[in-house]
Amino acid sequence: MTGAAGRVLNIASVEEATECLLQLWPPAEKGRKYRAARQVCLDALEGKETAKHARSAFIAAAKEADIYIRERTPSLANP
């Protein structure tokens, strides 16, 4: 995800996803999926949601906001 033009952020945890949503998300792009992702991530931090659900919600919010997400592909060395 790019924070500013040319800046790439590596989001590797629920904590980092939550921080990105709360502190770095473009104000004009805080739509329905953003609000859902924010809540799911906050719930995941409290153990009420899974990290997998938080990840999916974060990706959906990024797509809604037209923020480029490059997902890691699983390594063939780690089946």
PDB file of N, CA and C in Angstrom:
ATOM      1  N   MET A   1       0.855  -1.176   0.000  1.00  0.00           N
ATOM      2  CA  MET A   1       0.000   0.000   0.000  1.00  0.00           C
ATOM      3  C   MET A   1       0.895   1.231   0.000  1.00  0.00           C
ATOM      4  N   THR A   2       0.504   2.229  -0.741  1.00  0.00           N
ATOM      5  CA  THR A   2       1.304   3.445  -0.756  1.00  0.00           C
ATOM      6  C   THR A   2       0.685   4.472   0.166  1.00  0.00           C
ATOM      7  N   GLY A   3       1.476   5.044   1.060  1.00  0.00           N
ATOM      8  CA  GLY A   3       0.998   6.074   1.971  1.00  0.00           C
ATOM      9  C   GLY A   3       0.949   7.426   1.287  1.00  0.00           C
ATOM     10  N   ALA A   4       1.970   7.743   0.574  1.00  0.00           N
ATOM     11  CA  ALA A   4       2.051   8.970  -0.213  1.00  0.00           C
ATOM     12  C   ALA A   4       2.591   8.549  -1.576  1.00  0.00           C
ATOM     13  N   ALA A   5       2.524   9.426  -2.524  1.00  0.00           N
ATOM     14  CA  ALA A   5       2.992   9.084  -3.863  1.00  0.00           C
ATOM     15  C   ALA A   5       4.380   8.476  -3.797  1.00  0.00           C
ATOM     16  N   GLY A   6       4.511   7.268  -4.302  1.00  0.00           N
ATOM     17  CA  GLY A   6       5.799   6.599  -4.323  1.00  0.00           C
ATOM     18  C   GLY A   6       6.203   5.917  -3.037  1.00  0.00           C
ATOM     19  N   ARG A   7       5.397   6.005  -2.009  1.00  0.00           N
ATOM     20  CA  ARG A   7       5.725   5.391  -0.713  1.00  0.00           C
ATOM     21  C   ARG A   7       4.960   4.089  -0.572  1.00  0.00           C
ATOM     22  N   VAL A   8       5.653   3.031  -0.228  1.00  0.00           N
ATOM     23  CA  VAL A   8       5.037   1.726  -0.063  1.00  0.00           C
ATOM     24  C   VAL A   8       5.082   1.344   1.407  1.00  0.00           C
ATOM     25  N   LEU A   9       3.962   0.885   1.914  1.00  0.00           N
ATOM     26  CA  LEU A   9       3.888   0.430   3.300  1.00  0.00           C
ATOM     27  C   LEU A   9       3.697  -1.073   3.325  1.00  0.00           C
ATOM     28  N   ASN A  10       4.397  -1.733   4.213  1.00  0.00           N
ATOM     29  CA  ASN A  10       4.226  -3.161   4.409  1.00  0.00           C
ATOM     30  C   ASN A  10       3.347  -3.343   5.639  1.00  0.00           C
ATOM     31  N   ILE A  11       2.153  -3.845   5.444  1.00  0.00           N
ATOM     32  CA  ILE A  11       1.222  -4.077   6.549  1.00  0.00           C
ATOM     33  C   ILE A  11       1.302  -5.564   6.879  1.00  0.00           C
ATOM     34  N   ALA A  12       1.850  -5.898   8.041  1.00  0.00           N
ATOM     35  CA  ALA A  12       2.130  -7.290   8.363  1.00  0.00           C
ATOM     36  C   ALA A  12       1.397  -7.801   9.599  1.00  0.00           C
ATOM     37  N   SER A  13       0.517  -6.981  10.173  1.00  0.00           N
ATOM     38  CA  SER A  13      -0.185  -7.426  11.375  1.00  0.00           C
ATOM     39  C   SER A  13      -1.496  -6.658  11.519  1.00  0.00           C
ATOM     40  N   VAL A  14      -2.347  -7.151  12.387  1.00  0.00           N
ATOM     41  CA  VAL A  14      -3.598  -6.447  12.674  1.00  0.00           C
ATOM     42  C   VAL A  14      -3.290  -5.078  13.278  1.00  0.00           C
ATOM     43  N   GLU A  15      -2.277  -5.011  14.109  1.00  0.00           N
ATOM     44  CA  GLU A  15      -1.900  -3.741  14.720  1.00  0.00           C
ATOM     45  C   GLU A  15      -1.521  -2.717  13.658  1.00  0.00           C
ATOM     46  N   GLU A  16      -0.713  -3.148  12.682  1.00  0.00           N
ATOM     47  CA  GLU A  16      -0.292  -2.238  11.613  1.00  0.00           C
ATOM     48  C   GLU A  16      -1.464  -1.846  10.723  1.00  0.00           C
ATOM     49  N   ALA A  17      -2.358  -2.784  10.442  1.00  0.00           N
ATOM     50  CA  ALA A  17      -3.540  -2.470   9.629  1.00  0.00           C
ATOM     51  C   ALA A  17      -4.421  -1.456  10.348  1.00  0.00           C
ATOM     52  N   THR A  18      -4.600  -1.639  11.647  1.00  0.00           N
ATOM     53  CA  THR A  18      -5.416  -0.716  12.434  1.00  0.00           C
ATOM     54  C   THR A  18      -4.787   0.671  12.449  1.00  0.00           C
ATOM     55  N   GLU A  19      -3.492   0.738  12.657  1.00  0.00           N
ATOM     56  CA  GLU A  19      -2.797   2.026  12.659  1.00  0.00           C
ATOM     57  C   GLU A  19      -2.953   2.721  11.307  1.00  0.00           C
ATOM     58  N   CYS A  20      -2.828   1.965  10.240  1.00  0.00           N
ATOM     59  CA  CYS A  20      -2.979   2.532   8.900  1.00  0.00           C
ATOM     60  C   CYS A  20      -4.388   3.092   8.721  1.00  0.00           C
ATOM     61  N   LEU A  21      -5.393   2.328   9.130  1.00  0.00           N
ATOM     62  CA  LEU A  21      -6.777   2.780   8.996  1.00  0.00           C
ATOM     63  C   LEU A  21      -7.040   4.045   9.825  1.00  0.00           C
ATOM     64  N   LEU A  22      -6.519   4.077  11.022  1.00  0.00           N
ATOM     65  CA  LEU A  22      -6.802   5.195  11.925  1.00  0.00           C
ATOM     66  C   LEU A  22      -5.944   6.432  11.662  1.00  0.00           C
ATOM     67  N   GLN A  23      -4.716   6.243  11.177  1.00  0.00           N
ATOM     68  CA  GLN A  23      -3.797   7.378  11.093  1.00  0.00           C
ATOM     69  C   GLN A  23      -3.406   7.790   9.673  1.00  0.00           C
ATOM     70  N   LEU A  24      -3.423   6.840   8.734  1.00  0.00           N
ATOM     71  CA  LEU A  24      -2.875   7.130   7.414  1.00  0.00           C
ATOM     72  C   LEU A  24      -3.892   7.117   6.277  1.00  0.00           C
ATOM     73  N   TRP A  25      -5.075   6.625   6.540  1.00  0.00           N
ATOM     74  CA  TRP A  25      -6.070   6.465   5.478  1.00  0.00           C
ATOM     75  C   TRP A  25      -6.480   7.823   4.925  1.00  0.00           C
ATOM     76  N   PRO A  26      -6.579   7.927   3.612  1.00  0.00           N
ATOM     77  CA  PRO A  26      -6.993   9.209   3.015  1.00  0.00           C
ATOM     78  C   PRO A  26      -8.397   9.615   3.480  1.00  0.00           C
ATOM     79  N   PRO A  27      -8.561  10.810   4.009  1.00  0.00           N
ATOM     80  CA  PRO A  27      -9.858  11.240   4.550  1.00  0.00           C
ATOM     81  C   PRO A  27     -11.013  11.120   3.554  1.00  0.00           C
ATOM     82  N   ALA A  28     -10.743  11.357   2.293  1.00  0.00           N
ATOM     83  CA  ALA A  28     -11.803  11.311   1.282  1.00  0.00           C
ATOM     84  C   ALA A  28     -12.208   9.878   0.933  1.00  0.00           C
ATOM     85  N   GLU A  29     -11.483   8.902   1.436  1.00  0.00           N
ATOM     86  CA  GLU A  29     -11.733   7.499   1.077  1.00  0.00           C
ATOM     87  C   GLU A  29     -12.258   6.675   2.257  1.00  0.00           C
ATOM     88  N   LYS A  30     -12.945   7.311   3.169  1.00  0.00           N
ATOM     89  CA  LYS A  30     -13.453   6.597   4.346  1.00  0.00           C
ATOM     90  C   LYS A  30     -14.913   6.201   4.136  1.00  0.00           C
ATOM     91  N   GLY A  31     -15.110   5.237   3.237  1.00  0.00           N
ATOM     92  CA  GLY A  31     -16.438   4.764   2.886  1.00  0.00           C
ATOM     93  C   GLY A  31     -16.929   3.635   3.792  1.00  0.00           C
ATOM     94  N   ARG A  32     -17.948   2.959   3.322  1.00  0.00           N
ATOM     95  CA  ARG A  32     -18.589   1.892   4.093  1.00  0.00           C
ATOM     96  C   ARG A  32     -17.606   0.768   4.433  1.00  0.00           C
ATOM     97  N   LYS A  33     -16.802   0.340   3.466  1.00  0.00           N
ATOM     98  CA  LYS A  33     -15.866  -0.757   3.718  1.00  0.00           C
ATOM     99  C   LYS A  33     -14.723  -0.319   4.643  1.00  0.00           C
ATOM    100  N   TYR A  34     -14.353   0.952   4.570  1.00  0.00           N
ATOM    101  CA  TYR A  34     -13.356   1.475   5.508  1.00  0.00           C
ATOM    102  C   TYR A  34     -13.892   1.357   6.935  1.00  0.00           C
ATOM    103  N   ARG A  35     -15.127   1.815   7.133  1.00  0.00           N
ATOM    104  CA  ARG A  35     -15.710   1.777   8.482  1.00  0.00           C
ATOM    105  C   ARG A  35     -15.833   0.347   8.984  1.00  0.00           C
ATOM    106  N   ALA A  36     -16.194  -0.576   8.101  1.00  0.00           N
ATOM    107  CA  ALA A  36     -16.285  -1.982   8.494  1.00  0.00           C
ATOM    108  C   ALA A  36     -14.902  -2.534   8.856  1.00  0.00           C
ATOM    109  N   ALA A  37     -13.908  -2.226   8.041  1.00  0.00           N
ATOM    110  CA  ALA A  37     -12.545  -2.712   8.307  1.00  0.00           C
ATOM    111  C   ALA A  37     -12.005  -2.157   9.613  1.00  0.00           C
ATOM    112  N   ARG A  38     -12.254  -0.878   9.853  1.00  0.00           N
ATOM    113  CA  ARG A  38     -11.802  -0.267  11.108  1.00  0.00           C
ATOM    114  C   ARG A  38     -12.388  -1.018  12.299  1.00  0.00           C
ATOM    115  N   GLN A  39     -13.680  -1.316  12.250  1.00  0.00           N
ATOM    116  CA  GLN A  39     -14.318  -2.014  13.360  1.00  0.00           C
ATOM    117  C   GLN A  39     -13.813  -3.444  13.504  1.00  0.00           C
ATOM    118  N   VAL A  40     -13.666  -4.152  12.382  1.00  0.00           N
ATOM    119  CA  VAL A  40     -13.165  -5.530  12.436  1.00  0.00           C
ATOM    120  C   VAL A  40     -11.744  -5.555  12.996  1.00  0.00           C
ATOM    121  N   CYS A  41     -10.900  -4.624  12.563  1.00  0.00           N
ATOM    122  CA  CYS A  41      -9.523  -4.584  13.081  1.00  0.00           C
ATOM    123  C   CYS A  41      -9.494  -4.270  14.575  1.00  0.00           C
ATOM    124  N   LEU A  42     -10.296  -3.324  15.001  1.00  0.00           N
ATOM    125  CA  LEU A  42     -10.354  -3.010  16.434  1.00  0.00           C
ATOM    126  C   LEU A  42     -10.863  -4.214  17.221  1.00  0.00           C
ATOM    127  N   ASP A  43     -11.860  -4.901  16.684  1.00  0.00           N
ATOM    128  CA  ASP A  43     -12.373  -6.106  17.347  1.00  0.00           C
ATOM    129  C   ASP A  43     -11.310  -7.205  17.388  1.00  0.00           C
ATOM    130  N   ALA A  44     -10.522  -7.332  16.323  1.00  0.00           N
ATOM    131  CA  ALA A  44      -9.461  -8.341  16.301  1.00  0.00           C
ATOM    132  C   ALA A  44      -8.405  -8.056  17.368  1.00  0.00           C
ATOM    133  N   LEU A  45      -8.111  -6.784  17.588  1.00  0.00           N
ATOM    134  CA  LEU A  45      -7.151  -6.427  18.631  1.00  0.00           C
ATOM    135  C   LEU A  45      -7.650  -6.851  20.013  1.00  0.00           C
ATOM    136  N   GLU A  46      -8.971  -6.880  20.177  1.00  0.00           N
ATOM    137  CA  GLU A  46      -9.572  -7.276  21.456  1.00  0.00           C
ATOM    138  C   GLU A  46      -9.878  -8.775  21.512  1.00  0.00           C
ATOM    139  N   GLY A  47      -9.543  -9.510  20.450  1.00  0.00           N
ATOM    140  CA  GLY A  47      -9.782 -10.946  20.432  1.00  0.00           C
ATOM    141  C   GLY A  47     -11.200 -11.337  20.057  1.00  0.00           C
ATOM    142  N   LYS A  48     -11.980 -10.378  19.565  1.00  0.00           N
ATOM    143  CA  LYS A  48     -13.374 -10.649  19.191  1.00  0.00           C
ATOM    144  C   LYS A  48     -13.510 -11.061  17.727  1.00  0.00           C
ATOM    145  N   GLU A  49     -12.478 -10.859  16.948  1.00  0.00           N
ATOM    146  CA  GLU A  49     -12.453 -11.210  15.527  1.00  0.00           C
ATOM    147  C   GLU A  49     -11.117 -11.862  15.220  1.00  0.00           C
ATOM    148  N   THR A  50     -11.057 -12.563  14.089  1.00  0.00           N
ATOM    149  CA  THR A  50      -9.809 -13.216  13.688  1.00  0.00           C
ATOM    150  C   THR A  50      -8.953 -12.277  12.853  1.00  0.00           C
ATOM    151  N   ALA A  51      -7.666 -12.553  12.838  1.00  0.00           N
ATOM    152  CA  ALA A  51      -6.750 -11.794  11.995  1.00  0.00           C
ATOM    153  C   ALA A  51      -7.098 -12.001  10.522  1.00  0.00           C
ATOM    154  N   LYS A  52      -7.541 -13.190  10.177  1.00  0.00           N
ATOM    155  CA  LYS A  52      -7.930 -13.481   8.792  1.00  0.00           C
ATOM    156  C   LYS A  52      -9.091 -12.585   8.353  1.00  0.00           C
ATOM    157  N   HIS A  53     -10.086 -12.425   9.202  1.00  0.00           N
ATOM    158  CA  HIS A  53     -11.222 -11.557   8.881  1.00  0.00           C
ATOM    159  C   HIS A  53     -10.763 -10.102   8.790  1.00  0.00           C
ATOM    160  N   ALA A  54      -9.881  -9.685   9.685  1.00  0.00           N
ATOM    161  CA  ALA A  54      -9.353  -8.315   9.655  1.00  0.00           C
ATOM    162  C   ALA A  54      -8.603  -8.070   8.351  1.00  0.00           C
ATOM    163  N   ARG A  55      -7.816  -9.030   7.926  1.00  0.00           N
ATOM    164  CA  ARG A  55      -7.064  -8.906   6.673  1.00  0.00           C
ATOM    165  C   ARG A  55      -8.012  -8.751   5.490  1.00  0.00           C
ATOM    166  N   SER A  56      -9.021  -9.596   5.429  1.00  0.00           N
ATOM    167  CA  SER A  56      -9.995  -9.527   4.333  1.00  0.00           C
ATOM    168  C   SER A  56     -10.722  -8.186   4.315  1.00  0.00           C
ATOM    169  N   ALA A  57     -11.102  -7.707   5.482  1.00  0.00           N
ATOM    170  CA  ALA A  57     -11.807  -6.425   5.576  1.00  0.00           C
ATOM    171  C   ALA A  57     -10.891  -5.277   5.166  1.00  0.00           C
ATOM    172  N   PHE A  58      -9.624  -5.341   5.563  1.00  0.00           N
ATOM    173  CA  PHE A  58      -8.660  -4.301   5.201  1.00  0.00           C
ATOM    174  C   PHE A  58      -8.473  -4.249   3.686  1.00  0.00           C
ATOM    175  N   ILE A  59      -8.322  -5.407   3.074  1.00  0.00           N
ATOM    176  CA  ILE A  59      -8.138  -5.472   1.619  1.00  0.00           C
ATOM    177  C   ILE A  59      -9.373  -4.936   0.899  1.00  0.00           C
ATOM    178  N   ALA A  60     -10.561  -5.281   1.393  1.00  0.00           N
ATOM    179  CA  ALA A  60     -11.797  -4.772   0.783  1.00  0.00           C
ATOM    180  C   ALA A  60     -11.870  -3.256   0.877  1.00  0.00           C
ATOM    181  N   ALA A  61     -11.471  -2.706   2.013  1.00  0.00           N
ATOM    182  CA  ALA A  61     -11.483  -1.248   2.188  1.00  0.00           C
ATOM    183  C   ALA A  61     -10.490  -0.584   1.237  1.00  0.00           C
ATOM    184  N   ALA A  62      -9.327  -1.192   1.075  1.00  0.00           N
ATOM    185  CA  ALA A  62      -8.319  -0.633   0.165  1.00  0.00           C
ATOM    186  C   ALA A  62      -8.832  -0.645  -1.272  1.00  0.00           C
ATOM    187  N   LYS A  63      -9.455  -1.727  -1.657  1.00  0.00           N
ATOM    188  CA  LYS A  63     -10.006  -1.803  -3.016  1.00  0.00           C
ATOM    189  C   LYS A  63     -11.103  -0.759  -3.215  1.00  0.00           C
ATOM    190  N   GLU A  64     -11.952  -0.584  -2.214  1.00  0.00           N
ATOM    191  CA  GLU A  64     -13.005   0.423  -2.286  1.00  0.00           C
ATOM    192  C   GLU A  64     -12.405   1.819  -2.484  1.00  0.00           C
ATOM    193  N   ALA A  65     -11.272   2.065  -1.861  1.00  0.00           N
ATOM    194  CA  ALA A  65     -10.620   3.374  -1.918  1.00  0.00           C
ATOM    195  C   ALA A  65      -9.658   3.502  -3.106  1.00  0.00           C
ATOM    196  N   ASP A  66      -9.613   2.474  -3.950  1.00  0.00           N
ATOM    197  CA  ASP A  66      -8.678   2.457  -5.089  1.00  0.00           C
ATOM    198  C   ASP A  66      -7.231   2.581  -4.644  1.00  0.00           C
ATOM    199  N   ILE A  67      -6.922   1.955  -3.514  1.00  0.00           N
ATOM    200  CA  ILE A  67      -5.551   1.903  -3.011  1.00  0.00           C
ATOM    201  C   ILE A  67      -4.962   0.575  -3.471  1.00  0.00           C
ATOM    202  N   TYR A  68      -3.822   0.654  -4.112  1.00  0.00           N
ATOM    203  CA  TYR A  68      -3.177  -0.542  -4.651  1.00  0.00           C
ATOM    204  C   TYR A  68      -2.681  -1.432  -3.518  1.00  0.00           C
ATOM    205  N   ILE A  69      -3.037  -2.696  -3.611  1.00  0.00           N
ATOM    206  CA  ILE A  69      -2.581  -3.705  -2.648  1.00  0.00           C
ATOM    207  C   ILE A  69      -1.822  -4.772  -3.422  1.00  0.00           C
ATOM    208  N   ARG A  70      -0.616  -5.025  -3.024  1.00  0.00           N
ATOM    209  CA  ARG A  70       0.136  -6.142  -3.595  1.00  0.00           C
ATOM    210  C   ARG A  70       0.204  -7.211  -2.524  1.00  0.00           C
ATOM    211  N   GLU A  71      -0.491  -8.281  -2.771  1.00  0.00           N
ATOM    212  CA  GLU A  71      -0.508  -9.367  -1.796  1.00  0.00           C
ATOM    213  C   GLU A  71       0.659 -10.298  -2.042  1.00  0.00           C
ATOM    214  N   ARG A  72       1.197 -10.799  -0.967  1.00  0.00           N
ATOM    215  CA  ARG A  72       2.264 -11.788  -1.073  1.00  0.00           C
ATOM    216  C   ARG A  72       1.674 -13.089  -1.568  1.00  0.00           C
ATOM    217  N   THR A  73       2.402 -13.732  -2.444  1.00  0.00           N
ATOM    218  CA  THR A  73       1.985 -15.063  -2.871  1.00  0.00           C
ATOM    219  C   THR A  73       2.719 -16.068  -2.002  1.00  0.00           C
ATOM    220  N   PRO A  74       2.049 -17.154  -1.660  1.00  0.00           N
ATOM    221  CA  PRO A  74       2.708 -18.152  -0.811  1.00  0.00           C
ATOM    222  C   PRO A  74       3.978 -18.681  -1.476  1.00  0.00           C
ATOM    223  N   SER A  75       4.992 -18.859  -0.683  1.00  0.00           N
ATOM    224  CA  SER A  75       6.257 -19.368  -1.184  1.00  0.00           C
ATOM    225  C   SER A  75       6.131 -20.843  -1.525  1.00  0.00           C
ATOM    226  N   LEU A  76       6.708 -21.235  -2.629  1.00  0.00           N
ATOM    227  CA  LEU A  76       6.711 -22.650  -2.995  1.00  0.00           C
ATOM    228  C   LEU A  76       7.582 -23.455  -2.050  1.00  0.00           C
ATOM    229  N   ALA A  77       8.516 -22.803  -1.373  1.00  0.00           N
ATOM    230  CA  ALA A  77       9.399 -23.488  -0.436  1.00  0.00           C
ATOM    231  C   ALA A  77       8.678 -23.830   0.862  1.00  0.00           C
ATOM    232  N   ASN A  78       7.540 -23.173   1.132  1.00  0.00           N
ATOM    233  CA  ASN A  78       6.781 -23.423   2.357  1.00  0.00           C
ATOM    234  C   ASN A  78       5.392 -23.947   2.010  1.00  0.00           C
ATOM    235  N   PRO A  79       5.295 -25.229   1.645  1.00  0.00           N
ATOM    236  CA  PRO A  79       3.988 -25.773   1.237  1.00  0.00           C
ATOM    237  C   PRO A  79       2.981 -25.828   2.353  1.00  0.00           C
TER     238      PRO A  79
END
